[in-house]
């Protein structure tokens, strides 16, 4: 009976995590869509300008670069969320890749793509600081 209860609880946790990942992925996809629309609108606006001086072109380029950077960040986030969904389906999502222990639910809610528990991540960052400096 105990195994059944823990299996049900684990399945419930997986479904909750899957829903959280899908929600975050949908939000990210919506942000990507909005950034693309914003970029198109901006291009149309600038296309209507008869003559641009150097300052206008610099503003246009900086704005375009900023939008493209935001789009790239969101795209990477979407890929990371897709990878998390694959790990969930494979049964490896939510477990630390370093120690193998379950990652705290609060950490997964804050960082749905987390691959390590808080303690292991802290250790990894400490090692990174030592090797850098």
C-alpha atoms as a PDB file:
ATOM      1  CA  UNK A   1       0.000   0.000   0.000  1.00  0.00           C
ATOM      2  CA  UNK A   2       2.841   2.366   0.780  1.00  0.00           C
ATOM      3  CA  UNK A   3       4.399   1.901  -2.652  1.00  0.00           C
ATOM      4  CA  UNK A   4       1.084   2.745  -4.281  1.00  0.00           C
ATOM      5  CA  UNK A   5       0.759   5.933  -2.255  1.00  0.00           C
ATOM      6  CA  UNK A   6       4.292   7.083  -3.047  1.00  0.00           C
ATOM      7  CA  UNK A   7       3.832   6.205  -6.733  1.00  0.00           C
ATOM      8  CA  UNK A   8       0.646   8.242  -6.845  1.00  0.00           C
ATOM      9  CA  UNK A   9       2.363  11.113  -5.056  1.00  0.00           C
ATOM     10  CA  UNK A  10       5.301  10.913  -7.474  1.00  0.00           C
ATOM     11  CA  UNK A  11       2.958  10.834 -10.485  1.00  0.00           C
ATOM     12  CA  UNK A  12       1.145  13.838  -9.047  1.00  0.00           C
ATOM     13  CA  UNK A  13       4.454  15.642  -8.609  1.00  0.00           C
ATOM     14  CA  UNK A  14       5.407  14.818 -12.196  1.00  0.00           C
ATOM     15  CA  UNK A  15       2.094  16.116 -13.505  1.00  0.00           C
ATOM     16  CA  UNK A  16       2.440  19.291 -11.465  1.00  0.00           C
ATOM     17  CA  UNK A  17       5.981  19.768 -12.792  1.00  0.00           C
ATOM     18  CA  UNK A  18       4.844  19.052 -16.358  1.00  0.00           C
ATOM     19  CA  UNK A  19       2.068  21.627 -16.085  1.00  0.00           C
ATOM     20  CA  UNK A  20       4.503  24.162 -14.645  1.00  0.00           C
ATOM     21  CA  UNK A  21       6.994  23.561 -17.482  1.00  0.00           C
ATOM     22  CA  UNK A  22       4.288  23.760 -20.130  1.00  0.00           C
ATOM     23  CA  UNK A  23       2.959  26.995 -18.650  1.00  0.00           C
ATOM     24  CA  UNK A  24       6.443  28.514 -18.602  1.00  0.00           C
ATOM     25  CA  UNK A  25       7.067  27.302 -22.155  1.00  0.00           C
ATOM     26  CA  UNK A  26       3.778  28.843 -23.353  1.00  0.00           C
ATOM     27  CA  UNK A  27       4.640  32.133 -21.625  1.00  0.00           C
ATOM     28  CA  UNK A  28       8.066  32.105 -23.244  1.00  0.00           C
ATOM     29  CA  UNK A  29       6.564  31.312 -26.647  1.00  0.00           C
ATOM     30  CA  UNK A  30       4.141  34.224 -26.238  1.00  0.00           C
ATOM     31  CA  UNK A  31       7.044  36.540 -25.374  1.00  0.00           C
ATOM     32  CA  UNK A  32       8.874  35.363 -28.505  1.00  0.00           C
ATOM     33  CA  UNK A  33       5.784  36.052 -30.600  1.00  0.00           C
ATOM     34  CA  UNK A  34       5.423  39.545 -29.096  1.00  0.00           C
ATOM     35  CA  UNK A  35       9.103  40.337 -29.699  1.00  0.00           C
ATOM     36  CA  UNK A  36       8.814  39.259 -33.330  1.00  0.00           C
ATOM     37  CA  UNK A  37       5.741  41.459 -33.783  1.00  0.00           C
ATOM     38  CA  UNK A  38       7.516  44.361 -32.090  1.00  0.00           C
ATOM     39  CA  UNK A  39      10.524  43.908 -34.397  1.00  0.00           C
ATOM     40  CA  UNK A  40       8.295  43.879 -37.487  1.00  0.00           C
ATOM     41  CA  UNK A  41       6.439  46.996 -36.347  1.00  0.00           C
ATOM     42  CA  UNK A  42       9.723  48.733 -35.684  1.00  0.00           C
ATOM     43  CA  UNK A  43      11.047  47.815 -39.124  1.00  0.00           C
ATOM     44  CA  UNK A  44       7.878  49.164 -40.747  1.00  0.00           C
ATOM     45  CA  UNK A  45       8.157  52.395 -38.760  1.00  0.00           C
ATOM     46  CA  UNK A  46      11.764  52.948 -39.797  1.00  0.00           C
ATOM     47  CA  UNK A  47      11.017  52.004 -43.399  1.00  0.00           C
ATOM     48  CA  UNK A  48       8.639  54.955 -43.563  1.00  0.00           C
ATOM     49  CA  UNK A  49      11.397  57.433 -42.667  1.00  0.00           C
ATOM     50  CA  UNK A  50      12.406  59.320 -45.852  1.00  0.00           C
ATOM     51  CA  UNK A  51      15.999  60.120 -44.886  1.00  0.00           C
ATOM     52  CA  UNK A  52      17.873  59.095 -41.807  1.00  0.00           C
ATOM     53  CA  UNK A  53      20.984  60.708 -40.472  1.00  0.00           C
ATOM     54  CA  UNK A  54      23.744  58.822 -38.622  1.00  0.00           C
ATOM     55  CA  UNK A  55      22.058  59.310 -35.245  1.00  0.00           C
ATOM     56  CA  UNK A  56      18.741  57.928 -36.494  1.00  0.00           C
ATOM     57  CA  UNK A  57      20.490  54.897 -37.980  1.00  0.00           C
ATOM     58  CA  UNK A  58      22.414  54.310 -34.732  1.00  0.00           C
ATOM     59  CA  UNK A  59      19.173  54.428 -32.730  1.00  0.00           C
ATOM     60  CA  UNK A  60      17.505  52.062 -35.184  1.00  0.00           C
ATOM     61  CA  UNK A  61      20.415  49.626 -35.051  1.00  0.00           C
ATOM     62  CA  UNK A  62      20.683  49.710 -31.245  1.00  0.00           C
ATOM     63  CA  UNK A  63      16.969  49.115 -30.852  1.00  0.00           C
ATOM     64  CA  UNK A  64      17.058  46.265 -33.345  1.00  0.00           C
ATOM     65  CA  UNK A  65      20.055  44.700 -31.615  1.00  0.00           C
ATOM     66  CA  UNK A  66      18.288  44.905 -28.255  1.00  0.00           C
ATOM     67  CA  UNK A  67      15.177  43.194 -29.588  1.00  0.00           C
ATOM     68  CA  UNK A  68      17.245  40.475 -31.242  1.00  0.00           C
ATOM     69  CA  UNK A  69      19.162  39.866 -28.000  1.00  0.00           C
ATOM     70  CA  UNK A  70      15.907  39.521 -26.070  1.00  0.00           C
ATOM     71  CA  UNK A  71      14.600  37.164 -28.734  1.00  0.00           C
ATOM     72  CA  UNK A  72      17.742  35.033 -28.486  1.00  0.00           C
ATOM     73  CA  UNK A  73      17.450  34.801 -24.686  1.00  0.00           C
ATOM     74  CA  UNK A  74      13.800  33.735 -24.945  1.00  0.00           C
ATOM     75  CA  UNK A  75      14.642  31.210 -27.646  1.00  0.00           C
ATOM     76  CA  UNK A  76      17.338  29.650 -25.446  1.00  0.00           C
ATOM     77  CA  UNK A  77      14.839  29.550 -22.574  1.00  0.00           C
ATOM     78  CA  UNK A  78      12.333  27.720 -24.760  1.00  0.00           C
ATOM     79  CA  UNK A  79      14.970  25.151 -25.766  1.00  0.00           C
ATOM     80  CA  UNK A  80      15.935  24.676 -22.111  1.00  0.00           C
ATOM     81  CA  UNK A  81      12.283  24.133 -21.182  1.00  0.00           C
ATOM     82  CA  UNK A  82      11.898  21.607 -24.020  1.00  0.00           C
ATOM     83  CA  UNK A  83      14.941  19.765 -22.649  1.00  0.00           C
ATOM     84  CA  UNK A  84      13.388  19.806 -19.162  1.00  0.00           C
ATOM     85  CA  UNK A  85      10.171  18.313 -20.561  1.00  0.00           C
ATOM     86  CA  UNK A  86      12.207  15.555 -22.209  1.00  0.00           C
ATOM     87  CA  UNK A  87      14.007  14.846 -18.910  1.00  0.00           C
ATOM     88  CA  UNK A  88      10.623  14.724 -17.167  1.00  0.00           C
ATOM     89  CA  UNK A  89       9.340  12.192 -19.698  1.00  0.00           C
ATOM     90  CA  UNK A  90      12.540  10.134 -19.254  1.00  0.00           C
ATOM     91  CA  UNK A  91      12.218  10.262 -15.468  1.00  0.00           C
ATOM     92  CA  UNK A  92      15.403  12.266 -14.837  1.00  0.00           C
ATOM     93  CA  UNK A  93      13.829  15.695 -14.361  1.00  0.00           C
ATOM     94  CA  UNK A  94      13.805  17.044 -10.837  1.00  0.00           C
ATOM     95  CA  UNK A  95      16.827  15.021  -9.757  1.00  0.00           C
ATOM     96  CA  UNK A  96      20.230  16.597  -9.236  1.00  0.00           C
ATOM     97  CA  UNK A  97      22.711  15.589 -11.926  1.00  0.00           C
ATOM     98  CA  UNK A  98      25.497  15.775  -9.317  1.00  0.00           C
ATOM     99  CA  UNK A  99      24.170  13.930  -6.248  1.00  0.00           C
ATOM    100  CA  UNK A 100      21.045  12.266  -7.659  1.00  0.00           C
ATOM    101  CA  UNK A 101      18.776  13.572  -4.903  1.00  0.00           C
ATOM    102  CA  UNK A 102      15.414  15.229  -5.695  1.00  0.00           C
ATOM    103  CA  UNK A 103      15.638  18.956  -6.381  1.00  0.00           C
ATOM    104  CA  UNK A 104      13.508  21.024  -4.017  1.00  0.00           C
ATOM    105  CA  UNK A 105      10.085  21.899  -5.489  1.00  0.00           C
ATOM    106  CA  UNK A 106      10.571  25.598  -4.679  1.00  0.00           C
ATOM    107  CA  UNK A 107      13.856  25.612  -6.628  1.00  0.00           C
ATOM    108  CA  UNK A 108      12.169  23.989  -9.612  1.00  0.00           C
ATOM    109  CA  UNK A 109       9.390  26.565  -9.506  1.00  0.00           C
ATOM    110  CA  UNK A 110      11.937  29.389  -9.438  1.00  0.00           C
ATOM    111  CA  UNK A 111      14.247  27.751 -12.003  1.00  0.00           C
ATOM    112  CA  UNK A 112      12.239  25.148 -13.919  1.00  0.00           C
ATOM    113  CA  UNK A 113      15.309  24.188 -15.936  1.00  0.00           C
ATOM    114  CA  UNK A 114      17.518  23.552 -12.856  1.00  0.00           C
ATOM    115  CA  UNK A 115      19.682  20.451 -13.219  1.00  0.00           C
ATOM    116  CA  UNK A 116      21.262  20.593  -9.775  1.00  0.00           C
ATOM    117  CA  UNK A 117      20.033  20.953  -6.218  1.00  0.00           C
ATOM    118  CA  UNK A 118      20.836  24.144  -4.322  1.00  0.00           C
ATOM    119  CA  UNK A 119      23.758  22.644  -2.370  1.00  0.00           C
ATOM    120  CA  UNK A 120      25.428  21.107  -5.428  1.00  0.00           C
ATOM    121  CA  UNK A 121      24.925  24.312  -7.418  1.00  0.00           C
ATOM    122  CA  UNK A 122      26.549  26.269  -4.588  1.00  0.00           C
ATOM    123  CA  UNK A 123      29.489  23.844  -4.602  1.00  0.00           C
ATOM    124  CA  UNK A 124      29.835  24.096  -8.391  1.00  0.00           C
ATOM    125  CA  UNK A 125      29.838  27.890  -8.231  1.00  0.00           C
ATOM    126  CA  UNK A 126      32.459  27.769  -5.489  1.00  0.00           C
ATOM    127  CA  UNK A 127      34.672  25.537  -7.634  1.00  0.00           C
ATOM    128  CA  UNK A 128      34.152  27.858 -10.583  1.00  0.00           C
ATOM    129  CA  UNK A 129      35.329  30.833  -8.519  1.00  0.00           C
ATOM    130  CA  UNK A 130      38.435  28.933  -7.401  1.00  0.00           C
ATOM    131  CA  UNK A 131      39.382  27.941 -10.963  1.00  0.00           C
ATOM    132  CA  UNK A 132      38.852  31.486 -12.260  1.00  0.00           C
ATOM    133  CA  UNK A 133      40.737  33.298  -9.743  1.00  0.00           C
END
